[in-house]
Amino acid sequence: VQEAELDTGAALGSLSARLADLNELATRGDVPGALAVFDEILPSKDQLGIPDTMLYNTVLKAMSNSGDAVAATEWHERMRREGIRLNSKHFGKLIEAAAQAADVERAQYWFDESQ
């Protein structure tokens, strides 16, 4: 039983480290890297108790920081289709992505949607 508990603890520690990696990639605006880590974490997210909104918003953060407003919009649509809760941070990242891309109309659209 102890060995199984150690294995579970190690797996959870690894997932926690990957979550930190995801956040670092998102901060740098590394969308491909963030998506790759997201795909690794997604099947095991419930073991860590990671809220769906937080996990998906972290990928949105990568898109926002890279200024990829189109990818951010597509990610928003995926979140909506999958029933992920959309919150103020979510809309803030969409506005930021549009602003980074100098897309004033899209930024205004997301601001209006957030109200």
N, C-alpha and C. Protein backbone atom coordinates (compact mmCIF):
# COMPACT_ATOMS: atom_id res chain seq x y z
N VAL A 1 0.83 -1.19 0.00
CA VAL A 1 0.00 0.00 0.00
C VAL A 1 0.87 1.26 0.00
N GLN A 2 1.97 1.24 0.77
CA GLN A 2 2.84 2.41 0.83
C GLN A 2 3.45 2.73 -0.53
N GLU A 3 3.84 1.68 -1.27
CA GLU A 3 4.43 1.90 -2.60
C GLU A 3 3.41 2.54 -3.54
N ALA A 4 2.16 2.10 -3.46
CA ALA A 4 1.11 2.69 -4.30
C ALA A 4 0.90 4.15 -3.92
N GLU A 5 0.94 4.44 -2.62
CA GLU A 5 0.78 5.83 -2.18
C GLU A 5 1.93 6.69 -2.66
N LEU A 6 3.15 6.14 -2.64
CA LEU A 6 4.31 6.87 -3.15
C LEU A 6 4.18 7.14 -4.63
N ASP A 7 3.72 6.13 -5.38
CA ASP A 7 3.53 6.31 -6.82
C ASP A 7 2.50 7.40 -7.09
N THR A 8 1.41 7.39 -6.34
CA THR A 8 0.38 8.40 -6.51
C THR A 8 0.92 9.78 -6.15
N GLY A 9 1.67 9.86 -5.06
CA GLY A 9 2.26 11.14 -4.67
C GLY A 9 3.23 11.66 -5.71
N ALA A 10 4.03 10.77 -6.27
CA ALA A 10 4.98 11.18 -7.31
C ALA A 10 4.25 11.66 -8.55
N ALA A 11 3.18 10.96 -8.91
CA ALA A 11 2.40 11.36 -10.09
C ALA A 11 1.76 12.72 -9.87
N LEU A 12 1.23 12.95 -8.68
CA LEU A 12 0.62 14.25 -8.38
C LEU A 12 1.67 15.35 -8.37
N GLY A 13 2.85 15.04 -7.84
CA GLY A 13 3.94 16.01 -7.86
C GLY A 13 4.35 16.37 -9.27
N SER A 14 4.38 15.36 -10.13
CA SER A 14 4.73 15.59 -11.53
C SER A 14 3.67 16.46 -12.22
N LEU A 15 2.41 16.19 -11.92
CA LEU A 15 1.34 17.00 -12.50
C LEU A 15 1.40 18.44 -11.99
N SER A 16 1.72 18.59 -10.72
CA SER A 16 1.86 19.95 -10.17
C SER A 16 2.99 20.69 -10.86
N ALA A 17 4.09 19.99 -11.12
CA ALA A 17 5.21 20.60 -11.83
C ALA A 17 4.82 20.98 -13.25
N ARG A 18 4.04 20.13 -13.89
CA ARG A 18 3.60 20.42 -15.26
C ARG A 18 2.64 21.61 -15.27
N LEU A 19 1.84 21.75 -14.23
CA LEU A 19 0.95 22.91 -14.13
C LEU A 19 1.77 24.19 -14.00
N ALA A 20 2.84 24.13 -13.22
CA ALA A 20 3.74 25.29 -13.11
C ALA A 20 4.39 25.58 -14.46
N ASP A 21 4.76 24.51 -15.19
CA ASP A 21 5.33 24.68 -16.53
C ASP A 21 4.33 25.36 -17.45
N LEU A 22 3.07 24.93 -17.37
CA LEU A 22 2.02 25.52 -18.21
C LEU A 22 1.91 27.01 -17.94
N ASN A 23 1.91 27.39 -16.68
CA ASN A 23 1.80 28.80 -16.35
C ASN A 23 3.00 29.59 -16.86
N GLU A 24 4.19 29.03 -16.74
CA GLU A 24 5.39 29.70 -17.23
C GLU A 24 5.33 29.88 -18.75
N LEU A 25 4.91 28.85 -19.46
CA LEU A 25 4.78 28.94 -20.92
C LEU A 25 3.74 29.99 -21.29
N ALA A 26 2.64 30.03 -20.55
CA ALA A 26 1.59 31.01 -20.81
C ALA A 26 2.10 32.42 -20.58
N THR A 27 2.86 32.60 -19.52
CA THR A 27 3.43 33.92 -19.22
C THR A 27 4.33 34.39 -20.36
N ARG A 28 5.07 33.47 -20.95
CA ARG A 28 5.96 33.80 -22.07
C ARG A 28 5.21 33.94 -23.40
N GLY A 29 3.95 33.53 -23.43
CA GLY A 29 3.19 33.60 -24.68
C GLY A 29 3.53 32.47 -25.63
N ASP A 30 4.01 31.35 -25.10
CA ASP A 30 4.37 30.19 -25.91
C ASP A 30 3.13 29.31 -26.10
N VAL A 31 2.37 29.61 -27.14
CA VAL A 31 1.10 28.91 -27.36
C VAL A 31 1.31 27.43 -27.67
N PRO A 32 2.20 27.06 -28.61
CA PRO A 32 2.39 25.62 -28.88
C PRO A 32 2.83 24.85 -27.62
N GLY A 33 3.74 25.43 -26.86
CA GLY A 33 4.19 24.78 -25.64
C GLY A 33 3.07 24.64 -24.62
N ALA A 34 2.29 25.70 -24.46
CA ALA A 34 1.17 25.66 -23.51
C ALA A 34 0.13 24.62 -23.92
N LEU A 35 -0.16 24.54 -25.20
CA LEU A 35 -1.13 23.55 -25.68
C LEU A 35 -0.62 22.13 -25.45
N ALA A 36 0.67 21.91 -25.65
CA ALA A 36 1.24 20.57 -25.44
C ALA A 36 1.13 20.16 -23.97
N VAL A 37 1.45 21.07 -23.07
CA VAL A 37 1.36 20.76 -21.63
C VAL A 37 -0.10 20.62 -21.21
N PHE A 38 -0.98 21.45 -21.75
CA PHE A 38 -2.41 21.34 -21.48
C PHE A 38 -2.90 19.93 -21.82
N ASP A 39 -2.49 19.44 -23.00
CA ASP A 39 -2.90 18.10 -23.43
C ASP A 39 -2.38 17.01 -22.49
N GLU A 40 -1.21 17.23 -21.89
CA GLU A 40 -0.66 16.28 -20.92
C GLU A 40 -1.46 16.29 -19.63
N ILE A 41 -1.82 17.47 -19.18
CA ILE A 41 -2.48 17.63 -17.88
C ILE A 41 -3.95 17.25 -17.93
N LEU A 42 -4.62 17.54 -19.02
CA LEU A 42 -6.08 17.42 -19.11
C LEU A 42 -6.62 16.07 -18.61
N PRO A 43 -6.04 14.93 -19.03
CA PRO A 43 -6.62 13.65 -18.57
C PRO A 43 -6.54 13.43 -17.06
N SER A 44 -5.61 14.10 -16.39
CA SER A 44 -5.39 13.86 -14.96
C SER A 44 -5.76 15.05 -14.08
N LYS A 45 -6.39 16.06 -14.65
CA LYS A 45 -6.64 17.30 -13.91
C LYS A 45 -7.48 17.08 -12.66
N ASP A 46 -8.38 16.12 -12.70
CA ASP A 46 -9.25 15.89 -11.55
C ASP A 46 -8.47 15.37 -10.34
N GLN A 47 -7.37 14.63 -10.59
CA GLN A 47 -6.54 14.14 -9.49
C GLN A 47 -5.95 15.29 -8.69
N LEU A 48 -5.64 16.37 -9.36
CA LEU A 48 -5.07 17.54 -8.68
C LEU A 48 -6.14 18.50 -8.19
N GLY A 49 -7.37 18.28 -8.63
CA GLY A 49 -8.43 19.20 -8.27
C GLY A 49 -8.31 20.54 -8.98
N ILE A 50 -7.77 20.50 -10.20
CA ILE A 50 -7.59 21.73 -10.98
C ILE A 50 -8.94 22.11 -11.59
N PRO A 51 -9.44 23.29 -11.29
CA PRO A 51 -10.70 23.72 -11.90
C PRO A 51 -10.55 23.87 -13.42
N ASP A 52 -11.55 23.42 -14.15
CA ASP A 52 -11.52 23.53 -15.61
C ASP A 52 -11.25 24.95 -16.06
N THR A 53 -11.96 25.91 -15.45
CA THR A 53 -11.81 27.30 -15.87
C THR A 53 -10.37 27.76 -15.74
N MET A 54 -9.72 27.42 -14.64
CA MET A 54 -8.34 27.84 -14.45
C MET A 54 -7.42 27.22 -15.50
N LEU A 55 -7.58 25.94 -15.76
CA LEU A 55 -6.72 25.25 -16.71
C LEU A 55 -6.89 25.84 -18.12
N TYR A 56 -8.11 26.00 -18.54
CA TYR A 56 -8.37 26.54 -19.88
C TYR A 56 -7.95 28.01 -19.97
N ASN A 57 -8.18 28.77 -18.90
CA ASN A 57 -7.77 30.18 -18.91
C ASN A 57 -6.26 30.34 -18.99
N THR A 58 -5.52 29.37 -18.48
CA THR A 58 -4.06 29.46 -18.55
C THR A 58 -3.60 29.34 -20.00
N VAL A 59 -4.25 28.50 -20.78
CA VAL A 59 -3.93 28.43 -22.22
C VAL A 59 -4.33 29.74 -22.89
N LEU A 60 -5.47 30.27 -22.51
CA LEU A 60 -5.92 31.56 -23.05
C LEU A 60 -4.91 32.65 -22.71
N LYS A 61 -4.31 32.56 -21.55
CA LYS A 61 -3.26 33.52 -21.15
C LYS A 61 -2.09 33.47 -22.13
N ALA A 62 -1.70 32.29 -22.57
CA ALA A 62 -0.62 32.16 -23.56
C ALA A 62 -1.00 32.87 -24.85
N MET A 63 -2.23 32.67 -25.29
CA MET A 63 -2.70 33.30 -26.52
C MET A 63 -2.75 34.81 -26.37
N SER A 64 -3.18 35.25 -25.21
CA SER A 64 -3.25 36.68 -24.93
C SER A 64 -1.86 37.30 -24.92
N ASN A 65 -0.93 36.66 -24.23
CA ASN A 65 0.42 37.20 -24.13
C ASN A 65 1.17 37.16 -25.45
N SER A 66 0.75 36.28 -26.35
CA SER A 66 1.38 36.23 -27.68
C SER A 66 0.71 37.21 -28.64
N GLY A 67 -0.43 37.76 -28.24
CA GLY A 67 -1.16 38.69 -29.11
C GLY A 67 -1.93 38.00 -30.22
N ASP A 68 -2.24 36.71 -30.03
CA ASP A 68 -2.96 35.96 -31.06
C ASP A 68 -4.46 36.01 -30.77
N ALA A 69 -5.08 37.09 -31.22
CA ALA A 69 -6.51 37.31 -30.95
C ALA A 69 -7.39 36.27 -31.65
N VAL A 70 -6.95 35.80 -32.81
CA VAL A 70 -7.74 34.80 -33.54
C VAL A 70 -7.75 33.48 -32.77
N ALA A 71 -6.57 33.03 -32.34
CA ALA A 71 -6.49 31.79 -31.56
C ALA A 71 -7.26 31.92 -30.26
N ALA A 72 -7.19 33.09 -29.62
CA ALA A 72 -7.92 33.32 -28.37
C ALA A 72 -9.42 33.21 -28.60
N THR A 73 -9.89 33.75 -29.71
CA THR A 73 -11.32 33.65 -30.03
C THR A 73 -11.72 32.20 -30.28
N GLU A 74 -10.88 31.47 -31.00
CA GLU A 74 -11.17 30.05 -31.25
C GLU A 74 -11.17 29.25 -29.94
N TRP A 75 -10.24 29.58 -29.04
CA TRP A 75 -10.18 28.90 -27.75
C TRP A 75 -11.43 29.21 -26.93
N HIS A 76 -11.88 30.46 -26.99
CA HIS A 76 -13.12 30.85 -26.32
C HIS A 76 -14.28 29.99 -26.82
N GLU A 77 -14.35 29.81 -28.12
CA GLU A 77 -15.43 28.99 -28.70
C GLU A 77 -15.35 27.55 -28.21
N ARG A 78 -14.13 27.02 -28.12
CA ARG A 78 -13.96 25.66 -27.60
C ARG A 78 -14.45 25.58 -26.16
N MET A 79 -14.06 26.56 -25.36
CA MET A 79 -14.49 26.57 -23.96
C MET A 79 -16.01 26.61 -23.86
N ARG A 80 -16.62 27.43 -24.67
CA ARG A 80 -18.08 27.56 -24.66
C ARG A 80 -18.72 26.23 -25.06
N ARG A 81 -18.20 25.61 -26.13
CA ARG A 81 -18.74 24.31 -26.59
C ARG A 81 -18.61 23.23 -25.52
N GLU A 82 -17.50 23.27 -24.79
CA GLU A 82 -17.24 22.23 -23.79
C GLU A 82 -17.88 22.55 -22.44
N GLY A 83 -18.59 23.66 -22.36
CA GLY A 83 -19.30 24.00 -21.13
C GLY A 83 -18.40 24.50 -20.01
N ILE A 84 -17.22 25.02 -20.37
CA ILE A 84 -16.31 25.57 -19.37
C ILE A 84 -16.85 26.93 -18.93
N ARG A 85 -16.86 27.16 -17.62
CA ARG A 85 -17.38 28.42 -17.08
C ARG A 85 -16.50 29.58 -17.53
N LEU A 86 -17.12 30.61 -18.05
CA LEU A 86 -16.42 31.81 -18.51
C LEU A 86 -16.51 32.85 -17.40
N ASN A 87 -15.37 33.41 -17.00
CA ASN A 87 -15.37 34.37 -15.90
C ASN A 87 -14.72 35.68 -16.34
N SER A 88 -14.61 36.60 -15.41
CA SER A 88 -14.05 37.92 -15.75
C SER A 88 -12.60 37.82 -16.20
N LYS A 89 -11.82 36.91 -15.62
CA LYS A 89 -10.44 36.73 -16.06
C LYS A 89 -10.40 36.27 -17.51
N HIS A 90 -11.32 35.40 -17.86
CA HIS A 90 -11.43 34.89 -19.22
C HIS A 90 -11.63 36.05 -20.21
N PHE A 91 -12.60 36.88 -19.92
CA PHE A 91 -12.87 37.99 -20.83
C PHE A 91 -11.74 39.01 -20.82
N GLY A 92 -11.10 39.18 -19.67
CA GLY A 92 -9.94 40.07 -19.61
C GLY A 92 -8.82 39.60 -20.53
N LYS A 93 -8.60 38.29 -20.58
CA LYS A 93 -7.57 37.74 -21.47
C LYS A 93 -7.96 37.91 -22.94
N LEU A 94 -9.23 37.78 -23.26
CA LEU A 94 -9.68 38.01 -24.64
C LEU A 94 -9.46 39.47 -25.04
N ILE A 95 -9.79 40.37 -24.14
CA ILE A 95 -9.58 41.81 -24.41
C ILE A 95 -8.10 42.09 -24.58
N GLU A 96 -7.29 41.51 -23.71
CA GLU A 96 -5.84 41.72 -23.78
C GLU A 96 -5.26 41.18 -25.09
N ALA A 97 -5.72 40.02 -25.53
CA ALA A 97 -5.24 39.45 -26.79
C ALA A 97 -5.57 40.38 -27.95
N ALA A 98 -6.79 40.90 -27.95
CA ALA A 98 -7.19 41.83 -29.01
C ALA A 98 -6.36 43.11 -28.95
N ALA A 99 -6.12 43.61 -27.76
CA ALA A 99 -5.32 44.83 -27.60
C ALA A 99 -3.89 44.60 -28.07
N GLN A 100 -3.32 43.45 -27.71
CA GLN A 100 -1.96 43.12 -28.16
C GLN A 100 -1.88 43.07 -29.68
N ALA A 101 -2.97 42.63 -30.31
CA ALA A 101 -3.02 42.53 -31.77
C ALA A 101 -3.46 43.85 -32.42
N ALA A 102 -3.65 44.89 -31.61
CA ALA A 102 -4.11 46.20 -32.08
C ALA A 102 -5.45 46.10 -32.80
N ASP A 103 -6.30 45.19 -32.31
CA ASP A 103 -7.64 44.99 -32.88
C ASP A 103 -8.65 45.64 -31.93
N VAL A 104 -8.85 46.93 -32.11
CA VAL A 104 -9.71 47.71 -31.21
C VAL A 104 -11.15 47.21 -31.25
N GLU A 105 -11.64 46.90 -32.44
CA GLU A 105 -13.03 46.44 -32.57
C GLU A 105 -13.25 45.14 -31.80
N ARG A 106 -12.29 44.21 -31.92
CA ARG A 106 -12.43 42.93 -31.22
C ARG A 106 -12.34 43.16 -29.71
N ALA A 107 -11.45 44.03 -29.28
CA ALA A 107 -11.33 44.33 -27.85
C ALA A 107 -12.63 44.91 -27.32
N GLN A 108 -13.24 45.81 -28.08
CA GLN A 108 -14.52 46.40 -27.67
C GLN A 108 -15.61 45.34 -27.62
N TYR A 109 -15.61 44.44 -28.61
CA TYR A 109 -16.59 43.36 -28.65
C TYR A 109 -16.50 42.52 -27.37
N TRP A 110 -15.27 42.13 -27.00
CA TRP A 110 -15.12 41.29 -25.81
C TRP A 110 -15.47 42.06 -24.54
N PHE A 111 -15.17 43.34 -24.52
CA PHE A 111 -15.56 44.15 -23.37
C PHE A 111 -17.08 44.15 -23.24
N ASP A 112 -17.77 44.38 -24.35
CA ASP A 112 -19.23 44.39 -24.33
C ASP A 112 -19.80 43.03 -23.91
N GLU A 113 -19.19 41.95 -24.39
CA GLU A 113 -19.65 40.60 -24.05
C GLU A 113 -19.47 40.31 -22.56
N SER A 114 -18.48 40.94 -21.96
CA SER A 114 -18.18 40.66 -20.55
C SER A 114 -19.16 41.34 -19.60
N GLN A 115 -19.92 42.29 -20.10
CA GLN A 115 -20.83 43.07 -19.24
C GLN A 115 -22.11 42.32 -18.96
